């Protein structure tokens, strides 16, 4: 996902006077069907900035869950 966002941003800045709604639609259309894409539709996100904030929040949550899972495994082995 990180690579897609970086590639997308590099291309978008090259297009002058691009409307935010069009940018967001293009971003959404480029996403593979996954939980994140469906969560954007469910939450009625309409701008790229909001989508990227949501992605950042979800990424932090996923890292936290992974860290907790790793900690639990160490405790179980310990």
Protein backbone atom coordinates (compact mmCIF):
# COMPACT_ATOMS: atom_id res chain seq x y z
CA UNK A 1 0.00 0.00 0.00
CA UNK A 2 2.83 2.37 0.87
CA UNK A 3 4.36 1.95 -2.60
CA UNK A 4 1.01 2.59 -4.29
CA UNK A 5 0.45 5.80 -2.31
CA UNK A 6 3.95 7.04 -3.12
CA UNK A 7 3.58 6.27 -6.84
CA UNK A 8 0.13 7.84 -6.93
CA UNK A 9 1.32 11.04 -5.25
CA UNK A 10 4.28 11.35 -7.63
CA UNK A 11 1.90 11.20 -10.61
CA UNK A 12 -0.81 13.46 -9.19
CA UNK A 13 1.52 16.39 -8.57
CA UNK A 14 2.36 16.42 -12.28
CA UNK A 15 -1.23 17.23 -13.29
CA UNK A 16 -2.14 20.92 -12.94
CA UNK A 17 -5.52 22.09 -11.58
CA UNK A 18 -6.69 18.64 -10.63
CA UNK A 19 -9.89 18.63 -8.58
CA UNK A 20 -9.76 16.80 -5.25
CA UNK A 21 -12.82 14.69 -6.05
CA UNK A 22 -11.18 13.41 -9.22
CA UNK A 23 -7.94 12.67 -7.38
CA UNK A 24 -9.81 10.69 -4.73
CA UNK A 25 -11.82 8.75 -7.32
CA UNK A 26 -8.65 7.83 -9.22
CA UNK A 27 -6.98 6.77 -5.96
CA UNK A 28 -9.95 4.61 -5.00
CA UNK A 29 -10.18 3.03 -8.46
CA UNK A 30 -6.51 2.06 -8.26
CA UNK A 31 -6.90 0.20 -4.98
CA UNK A 32 -7.28 -3.54 -5.02
CA UNK A 33 -10.46 -4.80 -3.36
CA UNK A 34 -9.49 -5.10 0.29
CA UNK A 35 -10.65 -4.15 3.76
CA UNK A 36 -9.21 -0.64 3.49
CA UNK A 37 -11.03 0.13 0.24
CA UNK A 38 -14.32 -1.08 1.66
CA UNK A 39 -13.79 0.85 4.90
CA UNK A 40 -13.37 4.05 2.85
CA UNK A 41 -16.69 3.45 1.13
CA UNK A 42 -18.43 2.60 4.39
CA UNK A 43 -17.11 5.69 6.18
CA UNK A 44 -18.08 7.96 3.28
CA UNK A 45 -14.57 9.41 2.92
CA UNK A 46 -14.57 11.80 -0.05
CA UNK A 47 -11.07 13.30 -0.21
CA UNK A 48 -7.60 11.88 -0.65
CA UNK A 49 -6.41 13.68 2.48
CA UNK A 50 -9.10 11.98 4.57
CA UNK A 51 -8.31 8.61 3.00
CA UNK A 52 -4.61 8.97 3.82
CA UNK A 53 -5.44 9.95 7.41
CA UNK A 54 -7.62 6.84 7.71
CA UNK A 55 -4.84 4.70 6.24
CA UNK A 56 -2.36 6.12 8.75
CA UNK A 57 -4.72 5.36 11.64
CA UNK A 58 -5.33 1.81 10.42
CA UNK A 59 -1.60 1.24 9.96
CA UNK A 60 -0.93 2.33 13.54
CA UNK A 61 -3.66 0.01 14.80
CA UNK A 62 -2.27 -2.93 12.83
CA UNK A 63 1.25 -2.34 14.17
CA UNK A 64 -0.12 -2.20 17.73
CA UNK A 65 -1.98 -5.50 17.26
CA UNK A 66 1.15 -7.12 15.79
CA UNK A 67 3.28 -5.88 18.70
CA UNK A 68 0.76 -7.16 21.25
CA UNK A 69 0.59 -10.50 19.47
CA UNK A 70 4.39 -10.79 19.50
CA UNK A 71 4.49 -9.88 23.20
CA UNK A 72 1.89 -12.51 24.02
CA UNK A 73 3.85 -15.18 22.13
CA UNK A 74 7.01 -14.30 24.06
CA UNK A 75 5.11 -14.52 27.35
CA UNK A 76 3.64 -17.90 26.35
CA UNK A 77 7.12 -19.25 25.48
CA UNK A 78 8.79 -17.60 28.42
